[in-house]
Each structure stands twice: as structure tokens, then as C-alpha cells.
Amino acid sequence: MVSAGNGVTLALRIFRGRFALRDVPPEIPDASMNPHKQALMEKLSSLGLNETHTGYDPPLPLVSLEDFFEGNNDTNSIAVNLLRHPGVDYFYRVLKDIRARPDVQDVLMEILDIESALAVEDAWPFADKAIFVTSAWRWTVDEWNTLLKADGPLKGYPRGGPPVNPPQPQRGYAIWHTIWD
């Protein structure tokens, strides 16, 4: 941290190859912030992710596809392990197509980390898992996993327990998750 000399304290944050100089702590949201990102950050704050708990420690929150993908063009927000990243829009389209199936109740994104989103204006919260609430058979979920270029799928919640805001599966539906690592 560095004093700017006018009573403002600045911090240099380096995360996933990005760095930014920012006021600490930010008193009010930047009016130039992407409105979709601002709404997502406010939702995540209400679910317990904020400057004092930026992520990694469960339980973590789930957000809708719209919350995560609308306004998001940060390829470092999802599937960072892929050498040939197909783009954020690819994942949004595939996940929406999966959610539209009659055997899918919902598809949600687990937010792992918000540190870079707090530090860098164009950075987005990071999700490494998609959660499926579905009655589909395992081999169908395997097909989705292939389309998503992900590892898994695994039945149940990641990290050994439910998220902050778990979905309520209908009778005959189960929780599956896939991961990009």
C-alpha cells in the first residue's frame, strides 16, 4: 500500500497476470463500472463474497447464467485452463442450451473468487464450476461435459457441502457439477 499524499491510500493488486492500482477501500462503486458487473458484485456481496472474504473458502455462492455471463467478456473468468479458449459467449450459449432441456431444472455458476474483479475494472468474478440440477442420466451429463471442455462430471456439490444458496431440486432431480481446472 502506498499513500498518494492527499489522504488516499492506494494498493497494487496482482492476480492472474493482471495488476491495478486502486483506492483502498473503495467507498462507492465506480460509476463507469459495467452495470452487469456492478449488479453481480452487489449480489455476491449479499451472499458473503466481499473485500474481506474474496472467495476460495466454502461455502461459496451460486449465481444464474444471466448474472454471470451478461456483460462478461473476460476469458479469465471461466475455463482458464484451456489453451484454446472458445470465448465466454461459447460457454454461455452451451450452458443456456443445456438449461433449456426438459430434463434440466437449472444450471448455475459457482463463484470461486472475486479478488481480480475487485482490483481490475474489466476483470470479472471467477467461476471454475457449473452446477446442474437435472434428471438426466450420467452419460448425458458426460456429453455436456465434453461440449464444455471441462473435467468431471461429478455427482453432488463441490467442496463437500452445499453452497451458500443451494438450489432445491425437484423430486427425481440430482445435483451434478463440472469443473475447469
C-alpha atoms as a PDB file:
ATOM      1  CA  MET A   1       0.000   0.000   0.000  1.00  0.00           C
ATOM      2  CA  VAL A   2       1.162   3.497  -0.825  1.00  0.00           C
ATOM      3  CA  SER A   3      -0.038   6.892   0.336  1.00  0.00           C
ATOM      4  CA  ALA A   4      -0.886   9.228  -2.520  1.00  0.00           C
ATOM      5  CA  GLY A   5      -0.166  12.176  -0.222  1.00  0.00           C
ATOM      6  CA  ASN A   6      -3.696  13.552  -0.302  1.00  0.00           C
ATOM      7  CA  GLY A   7      -5.147  11.192   2.284  1.00  0.00           C
ATOM      8  CA  VAL A   8      -5.819   8.498  -0.305  1.00  0.00           C
ATOM      9  CA  THR A   9      -4.255   5.084   0.169  1.00  0.00           C
ATOM     10  CA  LEU A  10      -3.533   3.059  -2.953  1.00  0.00           C
ATOM     11  CA  ALA A  11      -2.879  -0.674  -3.291  1.00  0.00           C
ATOM     12  CA  LEU A  12      -1.245  -2.599  -6.106  1.00  0.00           C
ATOM     13  CA  ARG A  13      -3.056  -5.887  -6.663  1.00  0.00           C
ATOM     14  CA  ILE A  14      -1.593  -8.580  -8.888  1.00  0.00           C
ATOM     15  CA  PHE A  15      -3.814 -11.524  -9.738  1.00  0.00           C
ATOM     16  CA  ARG A  16      -3.810 -13.957 -12.665  1.00  0.00           C
ATOM     17  CA  GLY A  17      -1.328 -11.828 -14.579  1.00  0.00           C
ATOM     18  CA  ARG A  18      -3.233  -8.561 -14.113  1.00  0.00           C
ATOM     19  CA  PHE A  19      -2.400  -5.641 -11.933  1.00  0.00           C
ATOM     20  CA  ALA A  20      -4.151  -2.478 -10.914  1.00  0.00           C
ATOM     21  CA  LEU A  21      -3.591   0.499  -8.681  1.00  0.00           C
ATOM     22  CA  ARG A  22      -6.772   1.280  -6.762  1.00  0.00           C
ATOM     23  CA  ASP A  23      -8.072   3.213  -3.780  1.00  0.00           C
ATOM     24  CA  VAL A  24      -8.401   1.103  -0.633  1.00  0.00           C
ATOM     25  CA  PRO A  25     -11.126   0.588   0.379  1.00  0.00           C
ATOM     26  CA  PRO A  26     -13.399   1.723  -2.440  1.00  0.00           C
ATOM     27  CA  GLU A  27     -16.038   3.885  -0.799  1.00  0.00           C
ATOM     28  CA  ILE A  28     -18.631   3.865  -3.572  1.00  0.00           C
ATOM     29  CA  PRO A  29     -18.852   1.792  -6.761  1.00  0.00           C
ATOM     30  CA  ASP A  30     -17.193   3.314  -9.788  1.00  0.00           C
ATOM     31  CA  ALA A  31     -19.917   4.964 -11.872  1.00  0.00           C
ATOM     32  CA  SER A  32     -18.127   3.756 -15.010  1.00  0.00           C
ATOM     33  CA  MET A  33     -18.313   0.098 -13.909  1.00  0.00           C
ATOM     34  CA  ASN A  34     -20.162  -2.221 -16.255  1.00  0.00           C
ATOM     35  CA  PRO A  35     -23.741  -2.236 -14.858  1.00  0.00           C
ATOM     36  CA  HIS A  36     -23.941  -6.039 -15.209  1.00  0.00           C
ATOM     37  CA  LYS A  37     -20.713  -6.447 -13.251  1.00  0.00           C
ATOM     38  CA  GLN A  38     -21.911  -3.964 -10.630  1.00  0.00           C
ATOM     39  CA  ALA A  39     -25.178  -5.895 -10.174  1.00  0.00           C
ATOM     40  CA  LEU A  40     -23.272  -9.198  -9.938  1.00  0.00           C
ATOM     41  CA  MET A  41     -20.807  -7.771  -7.399  1.00  0.00           C
ATOM     42  CA  GLU A  42     -23.710  -6.459  -5.283  1.00  0.00           C
ATOM     43  CA  LYS A  43     -25.408  -9.870  -5.409  1.00  0.00           C
ATOM     44  CA  LEU A  44     -22.163 -11.620  -4.438  1.00  0.00           C
ATOM     45  CA  SER A  45     -21.675  -9.190  -1.567  1.00  0.00           C
ATOM     46  CA  SER A  46     -25.169 -10.026  -0.295  1.00  0.00           C
ATOM     47  CA  LEU A  47     -24.140 -13.718  -0.458  1.00  0.00           C
ATOM     48  CA  GLY A  48     -20.974 -13.157   1.568  1.00  0.00           C
ATOM     49  CA  LEU A  49     -18.244 -12.516  -1.020  1.00  0.00           C
ATOM     50  CA  ASN A  50     -16.698  -9.100  -0.487  1.00  0.00           C
ATOM     51  CA  GLU A  51     -13.356  -7.422   0.213  1.00  0.00           C
ATOM     52  CA  THR A  52     -12.881  -9.353   3.453  1.00  0.00           C
ATOM     53  CA  HIS A  53     -13.950 -12.744   2.029  1.00  0.00           C
ATOM     54  CA  THR A  54     -12.912 -12.798  -1.625  1.00  0.00           C
ATOM     55  CA  GLY A  55     -13.530 -16.497  -2.095  1.00  0.00           C
ATOM     56  CA  TYR A  56     -11.877 -19.911  -2.011  1.00  0.00           C
ATOM     57  CA  ASP A  57     -13.281 -20.797   1.429  1.00  0.00           C
ATOM     58  CA  PRO A  58     -16.569 -22.699   1.254  1.00  0.00           C
ATOM     59  CA  PRO A  59     -19.427 -22.349   1.257  1.00  0.00           C
ATOM     60  CA  LEU A  60     -19.411 -20.381  -1.970  1.00  0.00           C
ATOM     61  CA  PRO A  61     -22.352 -18.738  -3.761  1.00  0.00           C
ATOM     62  CA  LEU A  62     -24.158 -19.825  -6.909  1.00  0.00           C
ATOM     63  CA  VAL A  63     -25.446 -17.344  -9.487  1.00  0.00           C
ATOM     64  CA  SER A  64     -27.634 -17.675 -12.553  1.00  0.00           C
ATOM     65  CA  LEU A  65     -26.209 -17.911 -16.047  1.00  0.00           C
ATOM     66  CA  GLU A  66     -27.556 -14.438 -16.777  1.00  0.00           C
ATOM     67  CA  ASP A  67     -25.899 -12.983 -13.680  1.00  0.00           C
ATOM     68  CA  PHE A  68     -22.533 -14.487 -14.604  1.00  0.00           C
ATOM     69  CA  PHE A  69     -22.478 -14.108 -18.382  1.00  0.00           C
ATOM     70  CA  GLU A  70     -24.416 -10.923 -19.238  1.00  0.00           C
ATOM     71  CA  GLY A  71     -21.842  -8.190 -19.892  1.00  0.00           C
ATOM     72  CA  ASN A  72     -18.937 -10.604 -19.299  1.00  0.00           C
ATOM     73  CA  ASN A  73     -16.187 -10.740 -21.933  1.00  0.00           C
ATOM     74  CA  ASP A  74     -13.353 -11.709 -19.558  1.00  0.00           C
ATOM     75  CA  THR A  75     -11.870 -15.020 -20.739  1.00  0.00           C
ATOM     76  CA  ASN A  76     -10.081 -15.246 -17.387  1.00  0.00           C
ATOM     77  CA  SER A  77     -13.460 -15.626 -15.662  1.00  0.00           C
ATOM     78  CA  ILE A  78     -14.070 -19.209 -16.844  1.00  0.00           C
ATOM     79  CA  ALA A  79     -12.083 -22.170 -18.194  1.00  0.00           C
ATOM     80  CA  VAL A  80      -8.686 -20.542 -17.693  1.00  0.00           C
ATOM     81  CA  ASN A  81      -7.046 -23.952 -18.119  1.00  0.00           C
ATOM     82  CA  LEU A  82      -7.924 -24.165 -21.820  1.00  0.00           C
ATOM     83  CA  LEU A  83      -5.107 -23.422 -24.233  1.00  0.00           C
ATOM     84  CA  ARG A  84      -7.631 -22.604 -26.981  1.00  0.00           C
ATOM     85  CA  HIS A  85     -10.323 -20.737 -25.125  1.00  0.00           C
ATOM     86  CA  PRO A  86     -13.530 -20.652 -27.224  1.00  0.00           C
ATOM     87  CA  GLY A  87     -14.676 -17.377 -25.667  1.00  0.00           C
ATOM     88  CA  VAL A  88     -17.110 -16.526 -22.903  1.00  0.00           C
ATOM     89  CA  ASP A  89     -20.065 -16.440 -25.315  1.00  0.00           C
ATOM     90  CA  TYR A  90     -19.441 -20.096 -26.262  1.00  0.00           C
ATOM     91  CA  PHE A  91     -19.916 -21.236 -22.660  1.00  0.00           C
ATOM     92  CA  TYR A  92     -22.972 -19.037 -22.217  1.00  0.00           C
ATOM     93  CA  ARG A  93     -24.625 -20.465 -25.339  1.00  0.00           C
ATOM     94  CA  VAL A  94     -23.854 -24.117 -24.460  1.00  0.00           C
ATOM     95  CA  LEU A  95     -24.986 -23.738 -20.847  1.00  0.00           C
ATOM     96  CA  LYS A  96     -28.227 -21.985 -21.906  1.00  0.00           C
ATOM     97  CA  ASP A  97     -28.902 -24.809 -24.386  1.00  0.00           C
ATOM     98  CA  ILE A  98     -28.390 -27.367 -21.595  1.00  0.00           C
ATOM     99  CA  ARG A  99     -30.667 -25.426 -19.244  1.00  0.00           C
ATOM    100  CA  ALA A 100     -33.410 -25.336 -21.914  1.00  0.00           C
ATOM    101  CA  ARG A 101     -33.679 -29.149 -21.935  1.00  0.00           C
ATOM    102  CA  PRO A 102     -36.809 -30.665 -20.359  1.00  0.00           C
ATOM    103  CA  ASP A 103     -34.692 -32.826 -18.027  1.00  0.00           C
ATOM    104  CA  VAL A 104     -32.845 -29.800 -16.554  1.00  0.00           C
ATOM    105  CA  GLN A 105     -34.294 -27.724 -13.723  1.00  0.00           C
ATOM    106  CA  ASP A 106     -31.427 -25.222 -13.623  1.00  0.00           C
ATOM    107  CA  VAL A 107     -27.781 -24.528 -14.433  1.00  0.00           C
ATOM    108  CA  LEU A 108     -25.841 -22.264 -12.077  1.00  0.00           C
ATOM    109  CA  MET A 109     -22.292 -20.977 -11.791  1.00  0.00           C
ATOM    110  CA  GLU A 110     -20.268 -21.330  -8.591  1.00  0.00           C
ATOM    111  CA  ILE A 111     -18.212 -18.206  -7.959  1.00  0.00           C
ATOM    112  CA  LEU A 112     -14.802 -19.178  -6.589  1.00  0.00           C
ATOM    113  CA  ASP A 113     -13.090 -15.803  -6.392  1.00  0.00           C
ATOM    114  CA  ILE A 114     -13.726 -12.077  -6.768  1.00  0.00           C
ATOM    115  CA  GLU A 115     -10.285 -10.681  -5.970  1.00  0.00           C
ATOM    116  CA  SER A 116      -9.341  -9.758  -9.539  1.00  0.00           C
ATOM    117  CA  ALA A 117     -12.839  -8.321 -10.131  1.00  0.00           C
ATOM    118  CA  LEU A 118     -12.313  -6.022  -7.152  1.00  0.00           C
ATOM    119  CA  ALA A 119      -8.879  -4.941  -8.356  1.00  0.00           C
ATOM    120  CA  VAL A 120      -9.270  -4.626 -12.132  1.00  0.00           C
ATOM    121  CA  GLU A 121     -12.097  -2.706 -13.795  1.00  0.00           C
ATOM    122  CA  ASP A 122     -12.570  -5.070 -16.748  1.00  0.00           C
ATOM    123  CA  ALA A 123     -11.999  -8.282 -14.736  1.00  0.00           C
ATOM    124  CA  TRP A 124     -14.981 -10.443 -13.841  1.00  0.00           C
ATOM    125  CA  PRO A 125     -15.593 -12.769 -10.874  1.00  0.00           C
ATOM    126  CA  PHE A 126     -14.058 -16.199 -11.460  1.00  0.00           C
ATOM    127  CA  ALA A 127     -16.137 -19.371 -11.786  1.00  0.00           C
ATOM    128  CA  ASP A 128     -14.472 -22.760 -12.132  1.00  0.00           C
ATOM    129  CA  LYS A 129     -17.621 -24.887 -11.806  1.00  0.00           C
ATOM    130  CA  ALA A 130     -21.048 -25.181 -13.380  1.00  0.00           C
ATOM    131  CA  ILE A 131     -23.781 -26.814 -11.286  1.00  0.00           C
ATOM    132  CA  PHE A 132     -26.556 -28.787 -12.995  1.00  0.00           C
ATOM    133  CA  VAL A 133     -29.890 -29.635 -11.379  1.00  0.00           C
ATOM    134  CA  THR A 134     -31.073 -32.420 -13.641  1.00  0.00           C
ATOM    135  CA  SER A 135     -32.789 -35.773 -14.005  1.00  0.00           C
ATOM    136  CA  ALA A 136     -30.533 -36.654 -16.959  1.00  0.00           C
ATOM    137  CA  TRP A 137     -28.542 -39.881 -16.995  1.00  0.00           C
ATOM    138  CA  ARG A 138     -24.813 -39.853 -16.286  1.00  0.00           C
ATOM    139  CA  TRP A 139     -23.858 -40.374 -19.942  1.00  0.00           C
ATOM    140  CA  THR A 140     -25.923 -37.330 -20.920  1.00  0.00           C
ATOM    141  CA  VAL A 141     -24.110 -35.213 -18.334  1.00  0.00           C
ATOM    142  CA  ASP A 142     -20.836 -36.664 -19.735  1.00  0.00           C
ATOM    143  CA  GLU A 143     -21.833 -35.328 -23.177  1.00  0.00           C
ATOM    144  CA  TRP A 144     -22.417 -31.848 -21.718  1.00  0.00           C
ATOM    145  CA  ASN A 145     -19.029 -32.039 -20.055  1.00  0.00           C
ATOM    146  CA  THR A 146     -17.391 -32.767 -23.417  1.00  0.00           C
ATOM    147  CA  LEU A 147     -19.188 -29.809 -25.030  1.00  0.00           C
ATOM    148  CA  LEU A 148     -17.986 -27.601 -22.168  1.00  0.00           C
ATOM    149  CA  LYS A 149     -14.371 -28.808 -22.492  1.00  0.00           C
ATOM    150  CA  ALA A 150     -14.433 -29.492 -18.747  1.00  0.00           C
ATOM    151  CA  ASP A 151     -13.333 -32.159 -16.272  1.00  0.00           C
ATOM    152  CA  GLY A 152     -15.855 -34.340 -14.496  1.00  0.00           C
ATOM    153  CA  PRO A 153     -18.781 -34.511 -14.236  1.00  0.00           C
ATOM    154  CA  LEU A 154     -19.187 -35.344 -10.569  1.00  0.00           C
ATOM    155  CA  LYS A 155     -22.418 -36.033  -8.748  1.00  0.00           C
ATOM    156  CA  GLY A 156     -23.225 -33.798  -5.786  1.00  0.00           C
ATOM    157  CA  TYR A 157     -21.967 -30.460  -4.623  1.00  0.00           C
ATOM    158  CA  PRO A 158     -18.324 -29.491  -4.992  1.00  0.00           C
ATOM    159  CA  ARG A 159     -16.196 -28.928  -1.896  1.00  0.00           C
ATOM    160  CA  GLY A 160     -18.071 -31.468   0.190  1.00  0.00           C
ATOM    161  CA  GLY A 161     -21.117 -29.428   1.084  1.00  0.00           C
ATOM    162  CA  PRO A 162     -23.879 -27.194  -0.207  1.00  0.00           C
ATOM    163  CA  PRO A 163     -23.230 -23.663  -1.443  1.00  0.00           C
ATOM    164  CA  VAL A 164     -24.383 -20.538   0.396  1.00  0.00           C
ATOM    165  CA  ASN A 165     -27.611 -20.548  -1.609  1.00  0.00           C
ATOM    166  CA  PRO A 166     -28.342 -24.153  -2.650  1.00  0.00           C
ATOM    167  CA  PRO A 167     -31.000 -24.890  -5.263  1.00  0.00           C
ATOM    168  CA  GLN A 168     -33.950 -27.065  -4.268  1.00  0.00           C
ATOM    169  CA  PRO A 169     -34.051 -29.995  -6.722  1.00  0.00           C
ATOM    170  CA  GLN A 170     -37.447 -31.302  -7.741  1.00  0.00           C
ATOM    171  CA  ARG A 171     -38.240 -34.921  -6.970  1.00  0.00           C
ATOM    172  CA  GLY A 172     -36.166 -37.190  -9.213  1.00  0.00           C
ATOM    173  CA  TYR A 173     -33.538 -34.496  -9.905  1.00  0.00           C
ATOM    174  CA  ALA A 174     -29.938 -34.534  -8.701  1.00  0.00           C
ATOM    175  CA  ILE A 175     -27.031 -32.130  -8.411  1.00  0.00           C
ATOM    176  CA  TRP A 176     -24.072 -32.591 -10.771  1.00  0.00           C
ATOM    177  CA  HIS A 177     -21.103 -30.348 -11.297  1.00  0.00           C
ATOM    178  CA  THR A 178     -18.359 -29.957 -13.823  1.00  0.00           C
ATOM    179  CA  ILE A 179     -15.051 -28.187 -13.343  1.00  0.00           C
ATOM    180  CA  TRP A 180     -12.454 -26.377 -15.389  1.00  0.00           C
ATOM    181  CA  ASP A 181      -9.093 -26.801 -13.635  1.00  0.00           C
END
